[in-house]
């Protein structure tokens, strides 16, 4: 048994199920398509070019996006310590190291001063190391982000299940030796 859905291309929010007779309704500009009677029509995304319902791809896209972001984080962990607190610390230490190189003022480098004291090194040596590591991270981090974004764009552009299945989220990531 089939049902019908009424689509207005200029008003995609106006997607209506037509369970019964559509006589007496102004359907100017609308398209009526047949769908399975048990079709869950709420929240559907319509591909106006082909007038097909693309909702079955939504959960697949969501799982792939999550997998891509998890893979990106896994690859990042080969280069840096992950975690939002650690990321803030790295950002702060880099800013302090660059400020230290510009003026050697301990007041501008509390993280570096504390770490230098804890590791029995100089702020100069630590600042140089932090800048070196931060600069090295730029190459790896930008390659990871480029791959992550390319995959996310490919996921959104895929129009079929087959196209989504063909996206290889495991390939193309930088290796630690590449950076």
N, C-alpha and C. Protein backbone atom coordinates (compact mmCIF):
# COMPACT_ATOMS: atom_id res chain seq x y z
N UNK A 1 0.85 -1.18 0.00
CA UNK A 1 0.00 0.00 0.00
C UNK A 1 0.89 1.24 0.00
N UNK A 2 0.52 2.21 -0.80
CA UNK A 2 1.31 3.42 -0.92
C UNK A 2 0.56 4.60 -0.31
N UNK A 3 1.31 5.59 0.14
CA UNK A 3 0.77 6.86 0.59
C UNK A 3 1.31 7.95 -0.31
N UNK A 4 0.97 9.18 -0.01
CA UNK A 4 1.44 10.29 -0.82
C UNK A 4 2.00 11.39 0.09
N UNK A 5 3.00 12.09 -0.41
CA UNK A 5 3.55 13.25 0.29
C UNK A 5 3.51 14.41 -0.69
N UNK A 6 3.07 15.55 -0.20
CA UNK A 6 2.99 16.76 -1.03
C UNK A 6 4.22 17.61 -0.72
N UNK A 7 4.93 18.04 -1.76
CA UNK A 7 6.15 18.82 -1.62
C UNK A 7 6.00 20.15 -2.33
N UNK A 8 6.43 21.23 -1.66
CA UNK A 8 6.49 22.53 -2.28
C UNK A 8 7.95 22.95 -2.34
N UNK A 9 8.58 22.96 -3.52
CA UNK A 9 10.01 23.28 -3.61
C UNK A 9 10.37 24.65 -3.06
N UNK A 10 9.48 25.61 -3.15
CA UNK A 10 9.80 26.94 -2.64
C UNK A 10 9.51 27.06 -1.14
N UNK A 11 8.93 26.04 -0.54
CA UNK A 11 8.63 26.02 0.88
C UNK A 11 8.94 24.64 1.44
N UNK A 12 10.24 24.28 1.58
CA UNK A 12 10.58 22.93 2.01
C UNK A 12 10.07 22.58 3.40
N UNK A 13 9.77 23.60 4.21
CA UNK A 13 9.22 23.31 5.53
C UNK A 13 7.78 22.84 5.45
N UNK A 14 7.14 23.04 4.28
CA UNK A 14 5.74 22.68 4.11
C UNK A 14 5.62 21.31 3.44
N UNK A 15 6.09 20.29 4.10
CA UNK A 15 6.01 18.92 3.62
C UNK A 15 4.82 18.28 4.33
N UNK A 16 3.86 17.82 3.56
CA UNK A 16 2.62 17.32 4.17
C UNK A 16 2.30 15.93 3.68
N UNK A 17 1.76 15.13 4.58
CA UNK A 17 1.29 13.81 4.22
C UNK A 17 -0.12 13.97 3.67
N UNK A 18 -0.39 13.32 2.57
CA UNK A 18 -1.72 13.37 1.95
C UNK A 18 -2.34 11.99 2.07
N UNK A 19 -2.96 11.72 3.23
CA UNK A 19 -3.54 10.39 3.46
C UNK A 19 -4.82 10.18 2.68
N UNK A 20 -5.48 11.25 2.42
CA UNK A 20 -6.79 11.10 1.76
C UNK A 20 -6.84 11.88 0.47
N UNK A 21 -8.01 12.33 0.17
CA UNK A 21 -8.29 13.05 -1.06
C UNK A 21 -7.65 14.44 -1.00
N UNK A 22 -7.00 14.85 -2.08
CA UNK A 22 -6.39 16.17 -2.12
C UNK A 22 -7.26 17.16 -2.89
N UNK A 23 -8.44 16.75 -3.31
CA UNK A 23 -9.34 17.67 -4.01
C UNK A 23 -9.70 18.83 -3.09
N UNK A 24 -9.79 20.01 -3.66
CA UNK A 24 -10.16 21.19 -2.90
C UNK A 24 -8.97 21.91 -2.29
N UNK A 25 -7.77 21.34 -2.40
CA UNK A 25 -6.58 21.99 -1.88
C UNK A 25 -5.85 22.71 -3.02
N UNK A 26 -5.28 23.86 -2.71
CA UNK A 26 -4.48 24.58 -3.70
C UNK A 26 -3.10 23.93 -3.74
N UNK A 27 -2.84 23.18 -4.78
CA UNK A 27 -1.57 22.48 -4.92
C UNK A 27 -0.68 23.14 -5.97
N UNK A 28 -0.90 24.43 -6.24
CA UNK A 28 -0.10 25.15 -7.21
C UNK A 28 1.37 25.08 -6.81
N UNK A 29 2.20 24.62 -7.72
CA UNK A 29 3.63 24.53 -7.48
C UNK A 29 4.05 23.31 -6.68
N UNK A 30 3.09 22.49 -6.27
CA UNK A 30 3.42 21.33 -5.44
C UNK A 30 3.66 20.11 -6.31
N UNK A 31 4.39 19.18 -5.73
CA UNK A 31 4.61 17.88 -6.35
C UNK A 31 4.12 16.84 -5.37
N UNK A 32 3.42 15.85 -5.88
CA UNK A 32 2.94 14.78 -5.02
C UNK A 32 3.72 13.53 -5.40
N UNK A 33 4.36 12.91 -4.40
CA UNK A 33 5.11 11.69 -4.68
C UNK A 33 4.54 10.55 -3.87
N UNK A 34 4.66 9.35 -4.41
CA UNK A 34 4.22 8.15 -3.71
C UNK A 34 5.31 7.70 -2.75
N UNK A 35 4.91 7.29 -1.57
CA UNK A 35 5.83 6.77 -0.57
C UNK A 35 5.19 5.54 0.07
N UNK A 36 5.97 4.68 0.71
CA UNK A 36 5.37 3.53 1.41
C UNK A 36 4.39 4.02 2.47
N UNK A 37 3.33 3.27 2.69
CA UNK A 37 2.30 3.67 3.64
C UNK A 37 2.85 3.88 5.04
N UNK A 38 3.89 3.13 5.43
CA UNK A 38 4.46 3.26 6.77
C UNK A 38 5.61 4.27 6.82
N UNK A 39 5.74 5.06 5.78
CA UNK A 39 6.80 6.05 5.66
C UNK A 39 6.73 7.06 6.80
N UNK A 40 7.82 7.22 7.54
CA UNK A 40 7.90 8.21 8.62
C UNK A 40 8.29 9.53 7.98
N UNK A 41 7.33 10.35 7.69
CA UNK A 41 7.54 11.52 6.85
C UNK A 41 8.02 12.75 7.62
N UNK A 42 7.96 12.76 8.92
CA UNK A 42 8.37 13.94 9.67
C UNK A 42 9.87 14.13 9.61
N UNK A 43 10.33 15.34 9.41
CA UNK A 43 11.75 15.66 9.44
C UNK A 43 12.52 15.17 8.23
N UNK A 44 11.84 14.93 7.13
CA UNK A 44 12.51 14.43 5.94
C UNK A 44 13.26 15.53 5.22
N UNK A 45 14.37 15.15 4.59
CA UNK A 45 15.13 16.06 3.74
C UNK A 45 14.81 15.71 2.30
N UNK A 46 14.44 16.67 1.53
CA UNK A 46 14.03 16.40 0.16
C UNK A 46 15.11 16.86 -0.80
N UNK A 47 15.49 16.00 -1.69
CA UNK A 47 16.41 16.35 -2.77
C UNK A 47 15.54 16.85 -3.92
N UNK A 48 15.44 18.17 -4.03
CA UNK A 48 14.50 18.74 -5.01
C UNK A 48 14.90 18.43 -6.45
N UNK A 49 16.16 18.15 -6.70
CA UNK A 49 16.58 17.86 -8.07
C UNK A 49 15.97 16.55 -8.57
N UNK A 50 15.85 15.57 -7.68
CA UNK A 50 15.32 14.27 -8.11
C UNK A 50 13.99 13.93 -7.44
N UNK A 51 13.57 14.79 -6.51
CA UNK A 51 12.35 14.56 -5.75
C UNK A 51 12.35 13.18 -5.10
N UNK A 52 13.46 12.86 -4.47
CA UNK A 52 13.54 11.63 -3.70
C UNK A 52 13.74 11.99 -2.24
N UNK A 53 13.33 11.13 -1.38
CA UNK A 53 13.49 11.35 0.05
C UNK A 53 14.85 10.79 0.46
N UNK A 54 15.69 11.63 1.05
CA UNK A 54 17.06 11.25 1.34
C UNK A 54 17.30 10.99 2.83
N UNK A 55 16.26 10.85 3.61
CA UNK A 55 16.42 10.73 5.05
C UNK A 55 17.18 9.49 5.49
N UNK A 56 17.10 8.40 4.75
CA UNK A 56 17.79 7.19 5.18
C UNK A 56 19.31 7.39 5.22
N UNK A 57 19.81 8.42 4.56
CA UNK A 57 21.25 8.71 4.56
C UNK A 57 21.67 9.50 5.81
N UNK A 58 20.73 10.16 6.45
CA UNK A 58 21.05 11.02 7.60
C UNK A 58 21.75 10.26 8.73
N UNK A 59 21.23 9.12 9.19
CA UNK A 59 21.95 8.44 10.27
C UNK A 59 23.30 7.88 9.82
N UNK A 60 23.42 7.51 8.57
CA UNK A 60 24.70 7.01 8.06
C UNK A 60 25.70 8.15 8.05
N UNK A 61 25.27 9.32 7.57
CA UNK A 61 26.16 10.50 7.57
C UNK A 61 26.60 10.83 8.99
N UNK A 62 25.67 10.79 9.91
CA UNK A 62 25.98 11.12 11.30
C UNK A 62 27.04 10.16 11.87
N UNK A 63 26.87 8.87 11.62
CA UNK A 63 27.85 7.90 12.11
C UNK A 63 29.21 8.12 11.45
N UNK A 64 29.21 8.41 10.16
CA UNK A 64 30.48 8.66 9.46
C UNK A 64 31.16 9.92 9.98
N UNK A 65 30.39 11.00 10.19
CA UNK A 65 30.98 12.24 10.74
C UNK A 65 31.61 11.97 12.10
N UNK A 66 30.90 11.23 12.96
CA UNK A 66 31.45 10.89 14.28
C UNK A 66 32.73 10.07 14.14
N UNK A 67 32.72 9.12 13.21
CA UNK A 67 33.90 8.27 13.01
C UNK A 67 35.08 9.09 12.49
N UNK A 68 34.82 10.03 11.60
CA UNK A 68 35.89 10.89 11.06
C UNK A 68 36.51 11.72 12.19
N UNK A 69 35.67 12.33 13.01
CA UNK A 69 36.19 13.16 14.10
C UNK A 69 36.95 12.32 15.13
N UNK A 70 36.46 11.11 15.41
CA UNK A 70 37.19 10.22 16.32
C UNK A 70 38.53 9.81 15.71
N UNK A 71 38.54 9.54 14.42
CA UNK A 71 39.79 9.17 13.75
C UNK A 71 40.77 10.34 13.80
N UNK A 72 40.29 11.55 13.54
CA UNK A 72 41.16 12.73 13.59
C UNK A 72 41.77 12.87 14.99
N UNK A 73 40.97 12.65 16.01
CA UNK A 73 41.49 12.76 17.38
C UNK A 73 42.52 11.66 17.65
N UNK A 74 42.26 10.46 17.14
CA UNK A 74 43.22 9.37 17.29
C UNK A 74 44.54 9.71 16.61
N UNK A 75 44.47 10.25 15.41
CA UNK A 75 45.70 10.62 14.69
C UNK A 75 46.41 11.75 15.42
N UNK A 76 45.67 12.73 15.92
CA UNK A 76 46.29 13.82 16.70
C UNK A 76 47.06 13.26 17.88
N UNK A 77 46.51 12.22 18.50
CA UNK A 77 47.14 11.67 19.71
C UNK A 77 48.52 11.05 19.42
N UNK A 78 48.81 10.82 18.15
CA UNK A 78 50.14 10.32 17.79
C UNK A 78 51.17 11.44 17.80
N UNK A 79 50.69 12.68 17.79
CA UNK A 79 51.57 13.85 17.72
C UNK A 79 51.57 14.65 19.02
N UNK A 80 50.41 14.74 19.66
CA UNK A 80 50.27 15.57 20.86
C UNK A 80 49.43 14.83 21.89
N UNK A 81 49.47 15.31 23.12
CA UNK A 81 48.60 14.79 24.16
C UNK A 81 47.23 15.41 23.95
N UNK A 82 46.20 14.56 23.87
CA UNK A 82 44.85 15.07 23.59
C UNK A 82 44.16 15.52 24.88
N UNK A 83 43.06 16.18 24.71
CA UNK A 83 42.26 16.67 25.81
C UNK A 83 42.15 18.18 25.75
N UNK A 84 40.98 18.69 26.07
CA UNK A 84 40.76 20.13 25.95
C UNK A 84 41.63 20.92 26.92
N UNK A 85 41.82 20.41 28.13
CA UNK A 85 42.70 21.11 29.09
C UNK A 85 44.13 21.14 28.60
N UNK A 86 44.58 20.04 28.01
CA UNK A 86 45.95 20.00 27.49
C UNK A 86 46.08 20.95 26.31
N UNK A 87 45.06 21.02 25.48
CA UNK A 87 45.10 21.94 24.33
C UNK A 87 45.23 23.39 24.80
N UNK A 88 44.50 23.73 25.85
CA UNK A 88 44.60 25.09 26.39
C UNK A 88 46.01 25.33 26.94
N UNK A 89 46.55 24.34 27.61
CA UNK A 89 47.90 24.47 28.16
C UNK A 89 48.92 24.66 27.04
N UNK A 90 48.83 23.83 26.00
CA UNK A 90 49.75 23.98 24.86
C UNK A 90 49.64 25.37 24.25
N UNK A 91 48.43 25.85 24.08
CA UNK A 91 48.23 27.18 23.49
C UNK A 91 48.86 28.25 24.37
N UNK A 92 48.64 28.14 25.66
CA UNK A 92 49.20 29.13 26.60
C UNK A 92 50.73 29.06 26.60
N UNK A 93 51.28 27.86 26.63
CA UNK A 93 52.74 27.72 26.65
C UNK A 93 53.35 28.27 25.36
N UNK A 94 52.71 28.04 24.23
CA UNK A 94 53.24 28.59 22.99
C UNK A 94 53.23 30.12 23.03
N UNK A 95 52.12 30.70 23.50
CA UNK A 95 52.05 32.16 23.60
C UNK A 95 53.14 32.69 24.54
N UNK A 96 53.33 32.02 25.66
CA UNK A 96 54.37 32.44 26.60
C UNK A 96 55.76 32.31 25.98
N UNK A 97 56.00 31.22 25.26
CA UNK A 97 57.32 31.01 24.65
C UNK A 97 57.61 32.07 23.61
N UNK A 98 56.62 32.42 22.83
CA UNK A 98 56.84 33.45 21.80
C UNK A 98 57.02 34.83 22.47
N UNK A 99 56.27 35.09 23.53
CA UNK A 99 56.44 36.35 24.26
C UNK A 99 57.82 36.38 24.94
N UNK A 100 58.25 35.24 25.48
CA UNK A 100 59.56 35.15 26.12
C UNK A 100 60.66 35.48 25.12
N UNK A 101 60.55 34.92 23.94
CA UNK A 101 61.56 35.18 22.90
C UNK A 101 61.61 36.65 22.52
N UNK A 102 60.47 37.33 22.65
CA UNK A 102 60.43 38.75 22.30
C UNK A 102 60.90 39.65 23.44
N UNK A 103 60.86 39.16 24.71
CA UNK A 103 61.22 40.08 25.77
C UNK A 103 61.81 39.50 27.03
N UNK A 104 61.88 38.19 27.18
CA UNK A 104 62.47 37.53 28.35
C UNK A 104 61.95 38.07 29.68
N UNK A 105 60.65 38.23 29.79
CA UNK A 105 60.05 38.72 31.03
C UNK A 105 59.35 37.56 31.74
N UNK A 106 59.87 37.14 32.91
CA UNK A 106 59.25 36.01 33.62
C UNK A 106 57.78 36.24 33.95
N UNK A 107 57.36 37.48 34.06
CA UNK A 107 55.95 37.76 34.37
C UNK A 107 55.03 37.34 33.21
N UNK A 108 55.59 37.26 32.01
CA UNK A 108 54.76 36.86 30.86
C UNK A 108 54.80 35.36 30.64
N UNK A 109 55.50 34.62 31.49
CA UNK A 109 55.69 33.19 31.25
C UNK A 109 55.51 32.35 32.51
N UNK A 110 54.37 32.45 33.20
CA UNK A 110 54.22 31.67 34.44
C UNK A 110 54.23 30.15 34.22
N UNK A 111 53.64 29.67 33.13
CA UNK A 111 53.67 28.23 32.86
C UNK A 111 55.09 27.77 32.61
N UNK A 112 55.81 28.52 31.78
CA UNK A 112 57.19 28.15 31.46
C UNK A 112 58.09 28.25 32.68
N UNK A 113 57.91 29.29 33.48
CA UNK A 113 58.74 29.44 34.69
C UNK A 113 58.51 28.27 35.64
N UNK A 114 57.25 27.89 35.83
CA UNK A 114 56.94 26.77 36.73
C UNK A 114 57.51 25.46 36.18
N UNK A 115 57.36 25.23 34.88
CA UNK A 115 57.87 23.99 34.29
C UNK A 115 59.40 23.97 34.30
N UNK A 116 60.02 25.10 34.00
CA UNK A 116 61.49 25.16 34.01
C UNK A 116 62.01 24.85 35.40
N UNK A 117 61.38 25.38 36.43
CA UNK A 117 61.80 25.11 37.81
C UNK A 117 61.58 23.64 38.16
N UNK A 118 60.47 23.07 37.68
CA UNK A 118 60.15 21.68 38.01
C UNK A 118 61.03 20.68 37.27
N UNK A 119 61.57 21.10 36.13
CA UNK A 119 62.39 20.17 35.32
C UNK A 119 63.85 20.53 35.31
N UNK A 120 64.22 21.49 36.14
CA UNK A 120 65.62 21.91 36.26
C UNK A 120 66.22 22.29 34.91
N UNK A 121 65.51 23.15 34.21
CA UNK A 121 66.01 23.68 32.94
C UNK A 121 65.81 25.19 32.96
N UNK A 122 66.25 25.85 31.92
CA UNK A 122 66.07 27.30 31.85
C UNK A 122 64.81 27.63 31.06
N UNK A 123 64.29 28.81 31.34
CA UNK A 123 63.14 29.25 30.56
C UNK A 123 63.55 29.41 29.09
N UNK A 124 64.76 29.88 28.84
CA UNK A 124 65.24 30.03 27.46
C UNK A 124 65.18 28.70 26.71
N UNK A 125 65.72 27.66 27.32
CA UNK A 125 65.75 26.34 26.66
C UNK A 125 64.34 25.80 26.48
N UNK A 126 63.52 25.97 27.51
CA UNK A 126 62.14 25.48 27.42
C UNK A 126 61.35 26.25 26.38
N UNK A 127 61.49 27.57 26.35
CA UNK A 127 60.78 28.39 25.37
C UNK A 127 61.18 27.98 23.95
N UNK A 128 62.45 27.75 23.72
CA UNK A 128 62.92 27.32 22.38
C UNK A 128 62.29 25.98 22.00
N UNK A 129 62.25 25.06 22.96
CA UNK A 129 61.66 23.75 22.69
C UNK A 129 60.16 23.87 22.39
N UNK A 130 59.46 24.66 23.17
CA UNK A 130 58.00 24.83 22.97
C UNK A 130 57.72 25.42 21.60
N UNK A 131 58.48 26.43 21.20
CA UNK A 131 58.29 27.03 19.88
C UNK A 131 58.60 26.01 18.79
N UNK A 132 59.66 25.25 18.96
CA UNK A 132 60.01 24.22 17.97
C UNK A 132 58.89 23.19 17.84
N UNK A 133 58.35 22.71 18.96
CA UNK A 133 57.27 21.72 18.92
C UNK A 133 55.98 22.31 18.36
N UNK A 134 55.69 23.56 18.71
CA UNK A 134 54.49 24.21 18.18
C UNK A 134 54.59 24.37 16.67
N UNK A 135 55.75 24.77 16.20
CA UNK A 135 55.94 24.92 14.75
C UNK A 135 55.84 23.58 14.03
N UNK A 136 56.37 22.53 14.64
CA UNK A 136 56.27 21.19 14.04
C UNK A 136 54.82 20.72 14.01
N UNK A 137 54.05 21.08 15.02
CA UNK A 137 52.65 20.68 15.09
C UNK A 137 51.83 21.31 13.96
N UNK A 138 52.22 22.48 13.51
CA UNK A 138 51.47 23.16 12.45
C UNK A 138 51.36 22.27 11.21
N UNK A 139 52.45 21.63 10.82
CA UNK A 139 52.41 20.77 9.63
C UNK A 139 51.49 19.57 9.85
N UNK A 140 51.65 18.89 10.97
CA UNK A 140 50.82 17.72 11.25
C UNK A 140 49.36 18.12 11.49
N UNK A 141 49.16 19.13 12.31
CA UNK A 141 47.80 19.55 12.63
C UNK A 141 47.02 20.03 11.43
N UNK A 142 47.69 20.78 10.55
CA UNK A 142 46.98 21.26 9.36
C UNK A 142 46.68 20.12 8.40
N UNK A 143 47.55 19.12 8.30
CA UNK A 143 47.27 17.95 7.45
C UNK A 143 46.11 17.14 8.02
N UNK A 144 46.06 16.99 9.32
CA UNK A 144 44.95 16.27 9.96
C UNK A 144 43.65 17.02 9.73
N UNK A 145 43.67 18.32 9.93
CA UNK A 145 42.44 19.11 9.75
C UNK A 145 42.00 19.10 8.29
N UNK A 146 42.94 19.16 7.36
CA UNK A 146 42.59 19.10 5.93
C UNK A 146 41.91 17.78 5.60
N UNK A 147 42.45 16.67 6.10
CA UNK A 147 41.86 15.36 5.83
C UNK A 147 40.49 15.26 6.49
N UNK A 148 40.36 15.73 7.72
CA UNK A 148 39.07 15.69 8.42
C UNK A 148 38.01 16.46 7.65
N UNK A 149 38.37 17.67 7.23
CA UNK A 149 37.40 18.50 6.50
C UNK A 149 37.06 17.91 5.13
N UNK A 150 38.05 17.35 4.43
CA UNK A 150 37.79 16.74 3.13
C UNK A 150 36.81 15.59 3.28
N UNK A 151 36.98 14.78 4.30
CA UNK A 151 36.05 13.67 4.53
C UNK A 151 34.65 14.17 4.88
N UNK A 152 34.57 15.19 5.72
CA UNK A 152 33.25 15.72 6.09
C UNK A 152 32.53 16.31 4.88
N UNK A 153 33.27 16.98 4.01
CA UNK A 153 32.66 17.52 2.78
C UNK A 153 32.20 16.38 1.88
N UNK A 154 33.01 15.33 1.76
CA UNK A 154 32.63 14.17 0.93
C UNK A 154 31.38 13.49 1.49
N UNK A 155 31.28 13.40 2.80
CA UNK A 155 30.11 12.80 3.42
C UNK A 155 28.86 13.60 3.09
N UNK A 156 28.93 14.91 3.21
CA UNK A 156 27.77 15.74 2.91
C UNK A 156 27.41 15.72 1.43
N UNK A 157 28.41 15.57 0.57
CA UNK A 157 28.16 15.58 -0.88
C UNK A 157 27.63 14.24 -1.40
N UNK A 158 27.86 13.17 -0.67
CA UNK A 158 27.43 11.85 -1.13
C UNK A 158 25.90 11.79 -1.23
N UNK A 159 25.41 11.41 -2.39
CA UNK A 159 23.97 11.40 -2.64
C UNK A 159 23.34 10.02 -2.50
N UNK A 160 24.17 8.99 -2.37
CA UNK A 160 23.64 7.63 -2.28
C UNK A 160 24.34 6.86 -1.16
N UNK A 161 23.73 5.77 -0.79
CA UNK A 161 24.33 4.88 0.22
C UNK A 161 25.65 4.34 -0.31
N UNK A 162 25.69 4.02 -1.59
CA UNK A 162 26.91 3.48 -2.19
C UNK A 162 28.04 4.50 -2.12
N UNK A 163 27.72 5.76 -2.37
CA UNK A 163 28.74 6.81 -2.30
C UNK A 163 29.26 6.97 -0.88
N UNK A 164 28.37 6.88 0.10
CA UNK A 164 28.81 6.95 1.50
C UNK A 164 29.66 5.74 1.87
N UNK A 165 29.26 4.57 1.40
CA UNK A 165 30.03 3.35 1.69
C UNK A 165 31.42 3.40 1.08
N UNK A 166 31.57 4.14 -0.01
CA UNK A 166 32.86 4.20 -0.71
C UNK A 166 33.86 5.15 -0.03
N UNK A 167 33.42 5.95 0.91
CA UNK A 167 34.31 6.89 1.59
C UNK A 167 35.18 6.12 2.57
N UNK A 168 36.50 6.18 2.38
CA UNK A 168 37.45 5.45 3.22
C UNK A 168 38.00 6.40 4.28
N UNK A 169 37.41 6.32 5.46
CA UNK A 169 37.84 7.25 6.52
C UNK A 169 39.15 6.82 7.17
N UNK A 170 39.62 5.62 6.88
CA UNK A 170 40.87 5.15 7.48
C UNK A 170 42.10 5.59 6.70
N UNK A 171 41.93 5.93 5.44
CA UNK A 171 43.08 6.24 4.58
C UNK A 171 43.33 7.74 4.48
N UNK A 172 44.58 8.08 4.17
CA UNK A 172 44.93 9.45 3.84
C UNK A 172 45.35 10.34 5.00
N UNK A 173 45.46 9.77 6.18
CA UNK A 173 45.87 10.57 7.34
C UNK A 173 47.38 10.63 7.43
N UNK A 174 47.93 11.73 7.96
CA UNK A 174 49.39 11.79 8.11
C UNK A 174 49.87 10.82 9.18
N UNK A 175 51.06 10.35 8.98
CA UNK A 175 51.71 9.47 9.97
C UNK A 175 52.69 10.32 10.77
N UNK A 176 53.03 9.88 11.95
CA UNK A 176 53.94 10.62 12.81
C UNK A 176 55.28 10.88 12.11
N UNK A 177 55.72 9.95 11.28
CA UNK A 177 56.99 10.12 10.56
C UNK A 177 56.87 11.14 9.43
N UNK A 178 55.62 11.43 8.98
CA UNK A 178 55.40 12.39 7.90
C UNK A 178 55.61 13.83 8.36
N UNK A 179 55.43 14.06 9.64
CA UNK A 179 55.45 15.46 10.13
C UNK A 179 56.87 15.93 10.38
